[in-house]
Amino acid sequence: MLVLVTLVFSLLSRNIESAATCVLVLILFLVPAFVEQRMKIVIPALLQGIVLLFIFAAEILGEVNHYFVRIRGWDTMLHTLNGFLCAAVGFSLVELLNDRNGHVHLSPLYLTLVAFCFSMTIGVLWEFFECAVDLLLRQDMQKDMLVQGFSSAAMDPSGTGRVRVAGILRTVIVTEGGEYVIEGGYLDIGLLDTMKDLLVNFIGAVAYSFIGYFSLKRRRESAITRGLTLHRSAPPDDAP
């Protein structure tokens, strides 16, 4: 309902970009049900709720309502949660396929490694998407960051080393349409933001990997213990 209300307001204000984002969110909301139907699985209601809230927080609050700019750390929080969620999804999918195949029994460590790699791959693909949107649609998904220094090999006239620029107070950009003055340093146009996003994605993936590994290992040890107990308590075949 909140997405539909946002969609109506976007159309009334003739904000086509926000309206398109709302339509995209409504489509993404159908993905869990589509996955359940196609793969014949049941996604836990809690995980579905977290995924839907993540989509809403990223697209409706972040993009449409500009929380990425208005609230400091909103982007970092979402990327951390993304790493955690993608590791959970990857872990659950691999464990499900492992349980369905009675001939293959993957170790908890292998399942954890696959889930971690799955999460990091999703994070990298998302950064590819952000870069493509910035280049093709001239957006700013890879957020700018002010820095006061950098090293550059291109600025070395000899071409054999690098030049270190430090203590930058302001940057002046001269264009055909005028000049732009950036106070406080040099404007990095997305590299540091991308590295930060991948770092917090890594932290989220590692956090869930630890949780998933010890949880699965404990469940399997408990299952083995129960099996041994049942085996020992069963009467022999020739018992009267």
C-alpha atoms as a PDB file:
ATOM      1  CA  MET A   1       0.000   0.000   0.000  1.00  0.00           C
ATOM      2  CA  LEU A   2       2.826   2.405   0.798  1.00  0.00           C
ATOM      3  CA  VAL A   3       4.399   1.729  -2.587  1.00  0.00           C
ATOM      4  CA  LEU A   4       1.084   2.294  -4.348  1.00  0.00           C
ATOM      5  CA  VAL A   5       0.553   5.573  -2.491  1.00  0.00           C
ATOM      6  CA  THR A   6       4.063   6.672  -3.462  1.00  0.00           C
ATOM      7  CA  LEU A   7       3.352   5.689  -7.060  1.00  0.00           C
ATOM      8  CA  VAL A   8       0.169   7.800  -7.153  1.00  0.00           C
ATOM      9  CA  PHE A   9       1.939  10.845  -5.694  1.00  0.00           C
ATOM     10  CA  SER A  10       4.803  10.406  -8.181  1.00  0.00           C
ATOM     11  CA  LEU A  11       2.368  10.334 -11.101  1.00  0.00           C
ATOM     12  CA  LEU A  12       0.466  13.365  -9.791  1.00  0.00           C
ATOM     13  CA  SER A  13       3.705  15.316  -9.459  1.00  0.00           C
ATOM     14  CA  ARG A  14       4.820  14.057 -12.908  1.00  0.00           C
ATOM     15  CA  ASN A  15       7.950  12.499 -11.472  1.00  0.00           C
ATOM     16  CA  ILE A  16       8.373   9.724 -14.035  1.00  0.00           C
ATOM     17  CA  GLU A  17      11.632   8.450 -12.549  1.00  0.00           C
ATOM     18  CA  SER A  18      10.078   7.904  -9.104  1.00  0.00           C
ATOM     19  CA  ALA A  19       7.010   6.295 -10.672  1.00  0.00           C
ATOM     20  CA  ALA A  20       9.229   3.878 -12.613  1.00  0.00           C
ATOM     21  CA  THR A  21      11.053   3.033  -9.388  1.00  0.00           C
ATOM     22  CA  CYS A  22       7.728   2.232  -7.710  1.00  0.00           C
ATOM     23  CA  VAL A  23       6.763  -0.093 -10.572  1.00  0.00           C
ATOM     24  CA  LEU A  24      10.145  -1.811 -10.284  1.00  0.00           C
ATOM     25  CA  VAL A  25       9.598  -2.305  -6.533  1.00  0.00           C
ATOM     26  CA  LEU A  26       6.190  -3.886  -7.134  1.00  0.00           C
ATOM     27  CA  ILE A  27       7.799  -6.309  -9.585  1.00  0.00           C
ATOM     28  CA  LEU A  28      10.593  -7.132  -7.128  1.00  0.00           C
ATOM     29  CA  PHE A  29       8.001  -7.853  -4.441  1.00  0.00           C
ATOM     30  CA  LEU A  30       6.822 -10.786  -6.595  1.00  0.00           C
ATOM     31  CA  VAL A  31      10.265 -12.400  -6.784  1.00  0.00           C
ATOM     32  CA  PRO A  32      10.013 -14.474  -3.542  1.00  0.00           C
ATOM     33  CA  ALA A  33       6.682 -15.980  -4.641  1.00  0.00           C
ATOM     34  CA  PHE A  34       8.121 -16.664  -8.116  1.00  0.00           C
ATOM     35  CA  VAL A  35      11.147 -18.422  -6.605  1.00  0.00           C
ATOM     36  CA  GLU A  36       8.916 -20.525  -4.347  1.00  0.00           C
ATOM     37  CA  GLN A  37       6.782 -21.601  -7.269  1.00  0.00           C
ATOM     38  CA  ARG A  38       9.611 -22.333  -9.700  1.00  0.00           C
ATOM     39  CA  MET A  39      11.898 -24.146  -7.241  1.00  0.00           C
ATOM     40  CA  LYS A  40       9.110 -25.835  -5.264  1.00  0.00           C
ATOM     41  CA  ILE A  41      10.408 -24.519  -1.960  1.00  0.00           C
ATOM     42  CA  VAL A  42       9.001 -22.605   0.988  1.00  0.00           C
ATOM     43  CA  ILE A  43      10.826 -19.407   1.953  1.00  0.00           C
ATOM     44  CA  PRO A  44      10.424 -18.651   5.677  1.00  0.00           C
ATOM     45  CA  ALA A  45       8.052 -15.763   6.343  1.00  0.00           C
ATOM     46  CA  LEU A  46      10.713 -13.924   8.384  1.00  0.00           C
ATOM     47  CA  LEU A  47      13.227 -14.061   5.519  1.00  0.00           C
ATOM     48  CA  GLN A  48      10.570 -12.896   3.046  1.00  0.00           C
ATOM     49  CA  GLY A  49       9.692  -9.981   5.315  1.00  0.00           C
ATOM     50  CA  ILE A  50      13.329  -8.936   5.648  1.00  0.00           C
ATOM     51  CA  VAL A  51      13.833  -9.084   1.859  1.00  0.00           C
ATOM     52  CA  LEU A  52      10.717  -6.977   1.211  1.00  0.00           C
ATOM     53  CA  LEU A  53      11.738  -4.424   3.841  1.00  0.00           C
ATOM     54  CA  PHE A  54      15.200  -4.259   2.290  1.00  0.00           C
ATOM     55  CA  ILE A  55      13.741  -3.536  -1.161  1.00  0.00           C
ATOM     56  CA  PHE A  56      11.438  -0.890   0.302  1.00  0.00           C
ATOM     57  CA  ALA A  57      14.249   0.754   2.274  1.00  0.00           C
ATOM     58  CA  ALA A  58      16.600   0.800  -0.711  1.00  0.00           C
ATOM     59  CA  GLU A  59      14.281   1.928  -3.475  1.00  0.00           C
ATOM     60  CA  ILE A  60      11.350   3.803  -1.924  1.00  0.00           C
ATOM     61  CA  LEU A  61      13.085   5.366   1.077  1.00  0.00           C
ATOM     62  CA  GLY A  62      16.580   5.524  -0.398  1.00  0.00           C
ATOM     63  CA  GLU A  63      15.960   6.552  -4.000  1.00  0.00           C
ATOM     64  CA  VAL A  64      12.480   8.115  -4.077  1.00  0.00           C
ATOM     65  CA  ASN A  65      12.623   9.848  -0.677  1.00  0.00           C
ATOM     66  CA  HIS A  66      16.389  10.531  -0.922  1.00  0.00           C
ATOM     67  CA  TYR A  67      17.368   8.852   2.363  1.00  0.00           C
ATOM     68  CA  PHE A  68      20.748   8.086   0.804  1.00  0.00           C
ATOM     69  CA  VAL A  69      21.481  11.818   0.905  1.00  0.00           C
ATOM     70  CA  ARG A  70      19.391  12.907   3.892  1.00  0.00           C
ATOM     71  CA  ILE A  71      20.473  10.221   6.385  1.00  0.00           C
ATOM     72  CA  ARG A  72      24.162   9.650   6.926  1.00  0.00           C
ATOM     73  CA  GLY A  73      25.085   5.971   6.802  1.00  0.00           C
ATOM     74  CA  TRP A  74      21.847   4.800   5.141  1.00  0.00           C
ATOM     75  CA  ASP A  75      23.732   3.410   2.138  1.00  0.00           C
ATOM     76  CA  THR A  76      26.308   1.704   4.379  1.00  0.00           C
ATOM     77  CA  MET A  77      23.593   0.090   6.494  1.00  0.00           C
ATOM     78  CA  LEU A  78      21.818  -1.303   3.440  1.00  0.00           C
ATOM     79  CA  HIS A  79      24.990  -2.706   1.881  1.00  0.00           C
ATOM     80  CA  THR A  80      25.875  -4.433   5.155  1.00  0.00           C
ATOM     81  CA  LEU A  81      22.392  -5.921   5.347  1.00  0.00           C
ATOM     82  CA  ASN A  82      22.661  -6.922   1.686  1.00  0.00           C
ATOM     83  CA  GLY A  83      25.802  -8.950   2.397  1.00  0.00           C
ATOM     84  CA  PHE A  84      24.085 -10.640   5.330  1.00  0.00           C
ATOM     85  CA  LEU A  85      20.891 -11.413   3.372  1.00  0.00           C
ATOM     86  CA  CYS A  86      22.626 -12.685   0.244  1.00  0.00           C
ATOM     87  CA  ALA A  87      24.780 -15.020   2.340  1.00  0.00           C
ATOM     88  CA  ALA A  88      21.600 -16.302   4.012  1.00  0.00           C
ATOM     89  CA  VAL A  89      19.903 -16.864   0.664  1.00  0.00           C
ATOM     90  CA  GLY A  90      22.961 -18.560  -0.841  1.00  0.00           C
ATOM     91  CA  PHE A  91      23.396 -20.758   2.217  1.00  0.00           C
ATOM     92  CA  SER A  92      19.731 -21.791   2.215  1.00  0.00           C
ATOM     93  CA  LEU A  93      19.669 -22.581  -1.516  1.00  0.00           C
ATOM     94  CA  VAL A  94      22.815 -24.715  -1.441  1.00  0.00           C
ATOM     95  CA  GLU A  95      21.698 -26.513   1.715  1.00  0.00           C
ATOM     96  CA  LEU A  96      18.315 -27.224   0.123  1.00  0.00           C
ATOM     97  CA  LEU A  97      19.911 -28.669  -3.024  1.00  0.00           C
ATOM     98  CA  ASN A  98      22.302 -30.655  -0.861  1.00  0.00           C
ATOM     99  CA  ASP A  99      19.460 -32.150   1.183  1.00  0.00           C
ATOM    100  CA  ARG A 100      17.472 -33.040  -1.957  1.00  0.00           C
ATOM    101  CA  ASN A 101      20.387 -34.990  -3.420  1.00  0.00           C
ATOM    102  CA  GLY A 102      20.852 -38.097  -1.343  1.00  0.00           C
ATOM    103  CA  HIS A 103      24.111 -39.055  -3.082  1.00  0.00           C
ATOM    104  CA  VAL A 104      26.022 -35.857  -2.237  1.00  0.00           C
ATOM    105  CA  HIS A 105      26.674 -34.658   1.302  1.00  0.00           C
ATOM    106  CA  LEU A 106      28.522 -31.344   1.328  1.00  0.00           C
ATOM    107  CA  SER A 107      30.386 -30.340   4.447  1.00  0.00           C
ATOM    108  CA  PRO A 108      29.292 -27.284   6.494  1.00  0.00           C
ATOM    109  CA  LEU A 109      32.555 -25.555   5.585  1.00  0.00           C
ATOM    110  CA  TYR A 110      31.915 -25.985   1.855  1.00  0.00           C
ATOM    111  CA  LEU A 111      28.325 -24.747   2.182  1.00  0.00           C
ATOM    112  CA  THR A 112      29.570 -21.713   4.083  1.00  0.00           C
ATOM    113  CA  LEU A 113      32.217 -20.946   1.448  1.00  0.00           C
ATOM    114  CA  VAL A 114      29.645 -21.146  -1.363  1.00  0.00           C
ATOM    115  CA  ALA A 115      27.231 -18.875   0.540  1.00  0.00           C
ATOM    116  CA  PHE A 116      30.002 -16.331   1.166  1.00  0.00           C
ATOM    117  CA  CYS A 117      31.070 -16.323  -2.499  1.00  0.00           C
ATOM    118  CA  PHE A 118      27.434 -16.012  -3.583  1.00  0.00           C
ATOM    119  CA  SER A 119      26.976 -12.944  -1.380  1.00  0.00           C
ATOM    120  CA  MET A 120      30.146 -11.260  -2.612  1.00  0.00           C
ATOM    121  CA  THR A 121      29.226 -11.985  -6.251  1.00  0.00           C
ATOM    122  CA  ILE A 122      25.850 -10.306  -5.795  1.00  0.00           C
ATOM    123  CA  GLY A 123      27.616  -7.322  -4.215  1.00  0.00           C
ATOM    124  CA  VAL A 124      30.020  -7.004  -7.164  1.00  0.00           C
ATOM    125  CA  LEU A 125      27.202  -7.321  -9.712  1.00  0.00           C
ATOM    126  CA  TRP A 126      25.308  -4.564  -7.906  1.00  0.00           C
ATOM    127  CA  GLU A 127      28.333  -2.266  -8.146  1.00  0.00           C
ATOM    128  CA  PHE A 128      28.488  -3.042 -11.884  1.00  0.00           C
ATOM    129  CA  PHE A 129      24.829  -2.009 -12.093  1.00  0.00           C
ATOM    130  CA  GLU A 130      25.467   1.248 -10.206  1.00  0.00           C
ATOM    131  CA  CYS A 131      28.381   2.115 -12.495  1.00  0.00           C
ATOM    132  CA  ALA A 132      26.314   1.384 -15.622  1.00  0.00           C
ATOM    133  CA  VAL A 133      23.453   3.588 -14.382  1.00  0.00           C
ATOM    134  CA  ASP A 134      25.863   6.428 -13.618  1.00  0.00           C
ATOM    135  CA  LEU A 135      27.519   6.222 -17.042  1.00  0.00           C
ATOM    136  CA  LEU A 136      24.436   5.651 -19.192  1.00  0.00           C
ATOM    137  CA  LEU A 137      21.752   7.580 -17.296  1.00  0.00           C
ATOM    138  CA  ARG A 138      24.066  10.172 -15.696  1.00  0.00           C
ATOM    139  CA  GLN A 139      22.944   9.387 -12.146  1.00  0.00           C
ATOM    140  CA  ASP A 140      25.035   9.354  -8.964  1.00  0.00           C
ATOM    141  CA  MET A 141      24.488   5.907  -7.446  1.00  0.00           C
ATOM    142  CA  GLN A 142      28.219   5.655  -6.731  1.00  0.00           C
ATOM    143  CA  LYS A 143      28.225   8.562  -4.315  1.00  0.00           C
ATOM    144  CA  ASP A 144      30.892  11.269  -4.396  1.00  0.00           C
ATOM    145  CA  MET A 145      33.296  11.623  -1.476  1.00  0.00           C
ATOM    146  CA  LEU A 146      35.618  14.483  -0.552  1.00  0.00           C
ATOM    147  CA  VAL A 147      39.287  13.602  -0.107  1.00  0.00           C
ATOM    148  CA  GLN A 148      42.181  15.864   0.876  1.00  0.00           C
ATOM    149  CA  GLY A 149      44.910  13.990  -0.964  1.00  0.00           C
ATOM    150  CA  PHE A 150      45.735  11.341  -3.563  1.00  0.00           C
ATOM    151  CA  SER A 151      48.618   9.805  -5.506  1.00  0.00           C
ATOM    152  CA  SER A 152      48.728   9.932  -9.306  1.00  0.00           C
ATOM    153  CA  ALA A 153      51.047   8.247 -11.790  1.00  0.00           C
ATOM    154  CA  ALA A 154      49.426  10.174 -14.674  1.00  0.00           C
ATOM    155  CA  MET A 155      50.560  13.511 -13.185  1.00  0.00           C
ATOM    156  CA  ASP A 156      54.241  12.481 -13.153  1.00  0.00           C
ATOM    157  CA  PRO A 157      55.846  14.174 -16.193  1.00  0.00           C
ATOM    158  CA  SER A 158      58.576  11.537 -16.406  1.00  0.00           C
ATOM    159  CA  GLY A 159      56.056   8.693 -16.407  1.00  0.00           C
ATOM    160  CA  THR A 160      58.299   6.614 -14.151  1.00  0.00           C
ATOM    161  CA  GLY A 161      56.798   7.264 -10.735  1.00  0.00           C
ATOM    162  CA  ARG A 162      53.885   8.958  -9.051  1.00  0.00           C
ATOM    163  CA  VAL A 163      53.009  12.388  -7.710  1.00  0.00           C
ATOM    164  CA  ARG A 164      51.576  12.749  -4.227  1.00  0.00           C
ATOM    165  CA  VAL A 165      49.059  15.578  -3.832  1.00  0.00           C
ATOM    166  CA  ALA A 166      48.164  16.377  -0.228  1.00  0.00           C
ATOM    167  CA  GLY A 167      46.474  19.117   1.793  1.00  0.00           C
ATOM    168  CA  ILE A 168      43.843  19.963  -0.841  1.00  0.00           C
ATOM    169  CA  LEU A 169      41.698  22.893   0.332  1.00  0.00           C
ATOM    170  CA  ARG A 170      39.459  23.357  -2.695  1.00  0.00           C
ATOM    171  CA  THR A 171      39.017  22.169  -6.258  1.00  0.00           C
ATOM    172  CA  VAL A 172      38.050  24.372  -9.206  1.00  0.00           C
ATOM    173  CA  ILE A 173      36.376  22.681 -12.188  1.00  0.00           C
ATOM    174  CA  VAL A 174      36.310  24.728 -15.387  1.00  0.00           C
ATOM    175  CA  THR A 175      33.720  23.706 -17.990  1.00  0.00           C
ATOM    176  CA  GLU A 176      32.291  25.235 -21.149  1.00  0.00           C
ATOM    177  CA  GLY A 177      29.281  26.358 -19.129  1.00  0.00           C
ATOM    178  CA  GLY A 178      31.156  27.907 -16.227  1.00  0.00           C
ATOM    179  CA  GLU A 179      33.188  27.096 -13.134  1.00  0.00           C
ATOM    180  CA  TYR A 180      32.429  24.902 -10.122  1.00  0.00           C
ATOM    181  CA  VAL A 181      34.275  25.378  -6.850  1.00  0.00           C
ATOM    182  CA  ILE A 182      34.401  22.410  -4.459  1.00  0.00           C
ATOM    183  CA  GLU A 183      35.373  23.486  -0.957  1.00  0.00           C
ATOM    184  CA  GLY A 184      37.121  21.105   1.424  1.00  0.00           C
ATOM    185  CA  GLY A 185      39.119  18.953  -0.964  1.00  0.00           C
ATOM    186  CA  TYR A 186      39.022  16.926  -4.147  1.00  0.00           C
ATOM    187  CA  LEU A 187      35.829  15.163  -5.262  1.00  0.00           C
ATOM    188  CA  ASP A 188      36.334  11.430  -5.657  1.00  0.00           C
ATOM    189  CA  ILE A 189      33.569  10.286  -8.034  1.00  0.00           C
ATOM    190  CA  GLY A 190      32.685   6.853  -6.722  1.00  0.00           C
ATOM    191  CA  LEU A 191      35.810   4.739  -6.231  1.00  0.00           C
ATOM    192  CA  LEU A 192      35.948   5.057  -2.442  1.00  0.00           C
ATOM    193  CA  ASP A 193      32.183   4.628  -2.163  1.00  0.00           C
ATOM    194  CA  THR A 194      32.372   1.398  -4.181  1.00  0.00           C
ATOM    195  CA  MET A 195      35.194   0.037  -2.039  1.00  0.00           C
ATOM    196  CA  LYS A 196      33.299   0.952   1.121  1.00  0.00           C
ATOM    197  CA  ASP A 197      30.167  -0.794  -0.155  1.00  0.00           C
ATOM    198  CA  LEU A 198      32.110  -3.953  -0.966  1.00  0.00           C
ATOM    199  CA  LEU A 199      33.810  -3.856   2.441  1.00  0.00           C
ATOM    200  CA  VAL A 200      30.566  -3.666   4.418  1.00  0.00           C
ATOM    201  CA  ASN A 201      29.059  -6.329   2.104  1.00  0.00           C
ATOM    202  CA  PHE A 202      32.047  -8.480   3.052  1.00  0.00           C
ATOM    203  CA  ILE A 203      31.415  -7.848   6.758  1.00  0.00           C
ATOM    204  CA  GLY A 204      27.746  -8.829   6.439  1.00  0.00           C
ATOM    205  CA  ALA A 205      28.626 -11.972   4.473  1.00  0.00           C
ATOM    206  CA  VAL A 206      31.259 -13.026   7.010  1.00  0.00           C
ATOM    207  CA  ALA A 207      28.833 -12.447   9.892  1.00  0.00           C
ATOM    208  CA  TYR A 208      26.183 -14.727   8.425  1.00  0.00           C
ATOM    209  CA  SER A 209      28.776 -17.276   7.289  1.00  0.00           C
ATOM    210  CA  PHE A 210      29.880 -17.769  10.902  1.00  0.00           C
ATOM    211  CA  ILE A 211      26.271 -18.047  12.061  1.00  0.00           C
ATOM    212  CA  GLY A 212      25.331 -20.480   9.282  1.00  0.00           C
ATOM    213  CA  TYR A 213      28.417 -22.645   9.734  1.00  0.00           C
ATOM    214  CA  PHE A 214      28.056 -23.222  13.474  1.00  0.00           C
ATOM    215  CA  SER A 215      24.270 -23.595  13.204  1.00  0.00           C
ATOM    216  CA  LEU A 216      24.528 -26.260  10.489  1.00  0.00           C
ATOM    217  CA  LYS A 217      27.372 -28.040  12.249  1.00  0.00           C
ATOM    218  CA  ARG A 218      25.393 -28.167  15.496  1.00  0.00           C
ATOM    219  CA  ARG A 219      22.305 -29.514  13.703  1.00  0.00           C
ATOM    220  CA  ARG A 220      24.279 -32.265  11.984  1.00  0.00           C
ATOM    221  CA  GLU A 221      26.046 -33.275  15.194  1.00  0.00           C
ATOM    222  CA  SER A 222      22.688 -33.410  16.940  1.00  0.00           C
ATOM    223  CA  ALA A 223      21.251 -35.560  14.113  1.00  0.00           C
ATOM    224  CA  ILE A 224      24.210 -37.969  14.343  1.00  0.00           C
ATOM    225  CA  THR A 225      23.788 -38.208  18.108  1.00  0.00           C
ATOM    226  CA  ARG A 226      20.088 -38.983  17.750  1.00  0.00           C
ATOM    227  CA  GLY A 227      20.856 -41.622  15.116  1.00  0.00           C
ATOM    228  CA  LEU A 228      23.390 -43.347  17.365  1.00  0.00           C
ATOM    229  CA  THR A 229      20.970 -43.302  20.274  1.00  0.00           C
ATOM    230  CA  LEU A 230      18.189 -44.840  18.194  1.00  0.00           C
ATOM    231  CA  HIS A 231      20.569 -47.441  16.769  1.00  0.00           C
ATOM    232  CA  ARG A 232      21.768 -48.513  20.205  1.00  0.00           C
ATOM    233  CA  SER A 233      18.298 -48.680  21.669  1.00  0.00           C
ATOM    234  CA  ALA A 234      16.866 -50.782  18.803  1.00  0.00           C
ATOM    235  CA  PRO A 235      16.424 -54.495  19.696  1.00  0.00           C
ATOM    236  CA  PRO A 236      18.375 -57.058  17.673  1.00  0.00           C
ATOM    237  CA  ASP A 237      16.621 -58.828  14.807  1.00  0.00           C
ATOM    238  CA  ASP A 238      16.711 -62.239  16.556  1.00  0.00           C
ATOM    239  CA  ALA A 239      15.348 -60.942  19.850  1.00  0.00           C
ATOM    240  CA  PRO A 240      12.369 -62.960  21.133  1.00  0.00           C
END
